[in-house]
Amino acid sequence: MKTYWLIAAFVLIINLPFGFWRVQTIKFSPSWFLAVHIPVPISILLRIVTGTGWQVKILPIFVCAFVSGQFLGGKFYSKYRKK
């Protein structure tokens, strides 16, 4: 179970720059779509390489990490813009 949390932390970190990029785009534009969806294959590849598997019980961990990374990346952009 410890491995799942490490991979989830990595997924969160991967999504930070994409969340930062996402908030600078027009919602549902092609660039917004890319900012949201480019990290998906990266996350899937990470799960395949580490042999994490596709168990339903760990899916919420990875979904939360993905969404949190996007959200926090957007918040970092807001902080960046205020300075």
C-alpha atoms as a PDB file:
ATOM      1  CA  MET A   1       0.000   0.000   0.000  1.00  0.00           C
ATOM      2  CA  LYS A   2       2.965   2.301   0.613  1.00  0.00           C
ATOM      3  CA  THR A   3       3.854   2.081  -3.089  1.00  0.00           C
ATOM      4  CA  TYR A   4       0.407   3.349  -4.045  1.00  0.00           C
ATOM      5  CA  TRP A   5       0.882   6.490  -2.008  1.00  0.00           C
ATOM      6  CA  LEU A   6       4.314   7.154  -3.522  1.00  0.00           C
ATOM      7  CA  ILE A   7       2.932   6.763  -7.028  1.00  0.00           C
ATOM      8  CA  ALA A   8      -0.042   8.971  -6.134  1.00  0.00           C
ATOM      9  CA  ALA A   9       2.370  11.636  -4.871  1.00  0.00           C
ATOM     10  CA  PHE A  10       4.257  11.439  -8.154  1.00  0.00           C
ATOM     11  CA  VAL A  11       0.981  11.761 -10.104  1.00  0.00           C
ATOM     12  CA  LEU A  12       0.146  14.856  -8.049  1.00  0.00           C
ATOM     13  CA  ILE A  13       3.563  16.378  -8.786  1.00  0.00           C
ATOM     14  CA  ILE A  14       3.248  15.597 -12.506  1.00  0.00           C
ATOM     15  CA  ASN A  15      -0.094  17.428 -12.614  1.00  0.00           C
ATOM     16  CA  LEU A  16       1.126  20.650 -10.965  1.00  0.00           C
ATOM     17  CA  PRO A  17       2.577  22.258 -14.121  1.00  0.00           C
ATOM     18  CA  PHE A  18      -0.408  21.110 -16.167  1.00  0.00           C
ATOM     19  CA  GLY A  19      -2.794  22.704 -13.658  1.00  0.00           C
ATOM     20  CA  PHE A  20      -0.669  25.852 -13.812  1.00  0.00           C
ATOM     21  CA  TRP A  21      -1.042  25.828 -17.604  1.00  0.00           C
ATOM     22  CA  ARG A  22      -4.750  24.897 -17.519  1.00  0.00           C
ATOM     23  CA  VAL A  23      -5.878  28.017 -15.624  1.00  0.00           C
ATOM     24  CA  GLN A  24      -4.214  30.235 -18.223  1.00  0.00           C
ATOM     25  CA  THR A  25      -6.337  28.818 -21.047  1.00  0.00           C
ATOM     26  CA  ILE A  26      -9.929  29.297 -22.138  1.00  0.00           C
ATOM     27  CA  LYS A  27     -12.125  26.561 -20.706  1.00  0.00           C
ATOM     28  CA  PHE A  28     -12.789  23.708 -23.162  1.00  0.00           C
ATOM     29  CA  SER A  29     -10.343  25.107 -25.728  1.00  0.00           C
ATOM     30  CA  PRO A  30      -7.836  22.739 -27.376  1.00  0.00           C
ATOM     31  CA  SER A  31      -5.044  23.903 -25.070  1.00  0.00           C
ATOM     32  CA  TRP A  32      -7.277  23.393 -22.010  1.00  0.00           C
ATOM     33  CA  PHE A  33      -8.076  19.890 -23.256  1.00  0.00           C
ATOM     34  CA  LEU A  34      -4.367  19.136 -23.634  1.00  0.00           C
ATOM     35  CA  ALA A  35      -3.522  20.526 -20.191  1.00  0.00           C
ATOM     36  CA  VAL A  36      -6.084  18.214 -18.623  1.00  0.00           C
ATOM     37  CA  HIS A  37      -5.419  15.110 -20.718  1.00  0.00           C
ATOM     38  CA  ILE A  38      -1.650  14.983 -21.375  1.00  0.00           C
ATOM     39  CA  PRO A  39      -0.919  13.770 -17.805  1.00  0.00           C
ATOM     40  CA  VAL A  40      -3.366  10.847 -18.191  1.00  0.00           C
ATOM     41  CA  PRO A  41      -1.101   8.639 -20.367  1.00  0.00           C
ATOM     42  CA  ILE A  42       1.856   9.589 -18.171  1.00  0.00           C
ATOM     43  CA  SER A  43      -0.053   8.398 -15.109  1.00  0.00           C
ATOM     44  CA  ILE A  44      -1.140   5.209 -16.871  1.00  0.00           C
ATOM     45  CA  LEU A  45       2.416   4.498 -18.002  1.00  0.00           C
ATOM     46  CA  LEU A  46       3.631   5.027 -14.454  1.00  0.00           C
ATOM     47  CA  ARG A  47       1.126   2.482 -13.169  1.00  0.00           C
ATOM     48  CA  ILE A  48       2.140  -0.025 -15.854  1.00  0.00           C
ATOM     49  CA  VAL A  49       5.873   0.415 -15.250  1.00  0.00           C
ATOM     50  CA  THR A  50       5.541   0.046 -11.479  1.00  0.00           C
ATOM     51  CA  GLY A  51       3.120  -2.874 -11.746  1.00  0.00           C
ATOM     52  CA  THR A  52       0.517  -1.138  -9.597  1.00  0.00           C
ATOM     53  CA  GLY A  53      -2.388  -2.764 -11.381  1.00  0.00           C
ATOM     54  CA  TRP A  54      -5.959  -1.644 -11.934  1.00  0.00           C
ATOM     55  CA  GLN A  55      -7.703  -2.516  -8.688  1.00  0.00           C
ATOM     56  CA  VAL A  56     -10.893  -0.562  -8.075  1.00  0.00           C
ATOM     57  CA  LYS A  57     -10.028   0.014  -4.409  1.00  0.00           C
ATOM     58  CA  ILE A  58      -6.990   2.173  -5.270  1.00  0.00           C
ATOM     59  CA  LEU A  59      -8.649   4.128  -8.081  1.00  0.00           C
ATOM     60  CA  PRO A  60      -9.910   6.900  -5.732  1.00  0.00           C
ATOM     61  CA  ILE A  61      -6.340   7.488  -4.510  1.00  0.00           C
ATOM     62  CA  PHE A  62      -5.101   8.140  -8.041  1.00  0.00           C
ATOM     63  CA  VAL A  63      -8.128  10.199  -9.071  1.00  0.00           C
ATOM     64  CA  CYS A  64      -7.713  12.400  -5.985  1.00  0.00           C
ATOM     65  CA  ALA A  65      -3.999  12.798  -6.698  1.00  0.00           C
ATOM     66  CA  PHE A  66      -4.725  13.745 -10.317  1.00  0.00           C
ATOM     67  CA  VAL A  67      -7.429  16.278  -9.447  1.00  0.00           C
ATOM     68  CA  SER A  68      -5.420  17.679  -6.527  1.00  0.00           C
ATOM     69  CA  GLY A  69      -2.408  18.245  -8.769  1.00  0.00           C
ATOM     70  CA  GLN A  70      -4.534  20.122 -11.277  1.00  0.00           C
ATOM     71  CA  PHE A  71      -6.186  22.162  -8.516  1.00  0.00           C
ATOM     72  CA  LEU A  72      -2.943  23.007  -6.694  1.00  0.00           C
ATOM     73  CA  GLY A  73      -1.256  23.940  -9.977  1.00  0.00           C
ATOM     74  CA  GLY A  74      -4.075  26.421 -10.581  1.00  0.00           C
ATOM     75  CA  LYS A  75      -3.690  27.806  -7.058  1.00  0.00           C
ATOM     76  CA  PHE A  76       0.069  28.230  -7.572  1.00  0.00           C
ATOM     77  CA  TYR A  77      -0.706  30.230 -10.706  1.00  0.00           C
ATOM     78  CA  SER A  78      -3.031  32.490  -8.687  1.00  0.00           C
ATOM     79  CA  LYS A  79      -0.276  33.089  -6.133  1.00  0.00           C
ATOM     80  CA  TYR A  80       2.233  33.695  -8.910  1.00  0.00           C
ATOM     81  CA  ARG A  81      -0.012  36.274 -10.579  1.00  0.00           C
ATOM     82  CA  LYS A  82      -0.492  38.271  -7.363  1.00  0.00           C
ATOM     83  CA  LYS A  83       3.247  38.979  -7.055  1.00  0.00           C
END
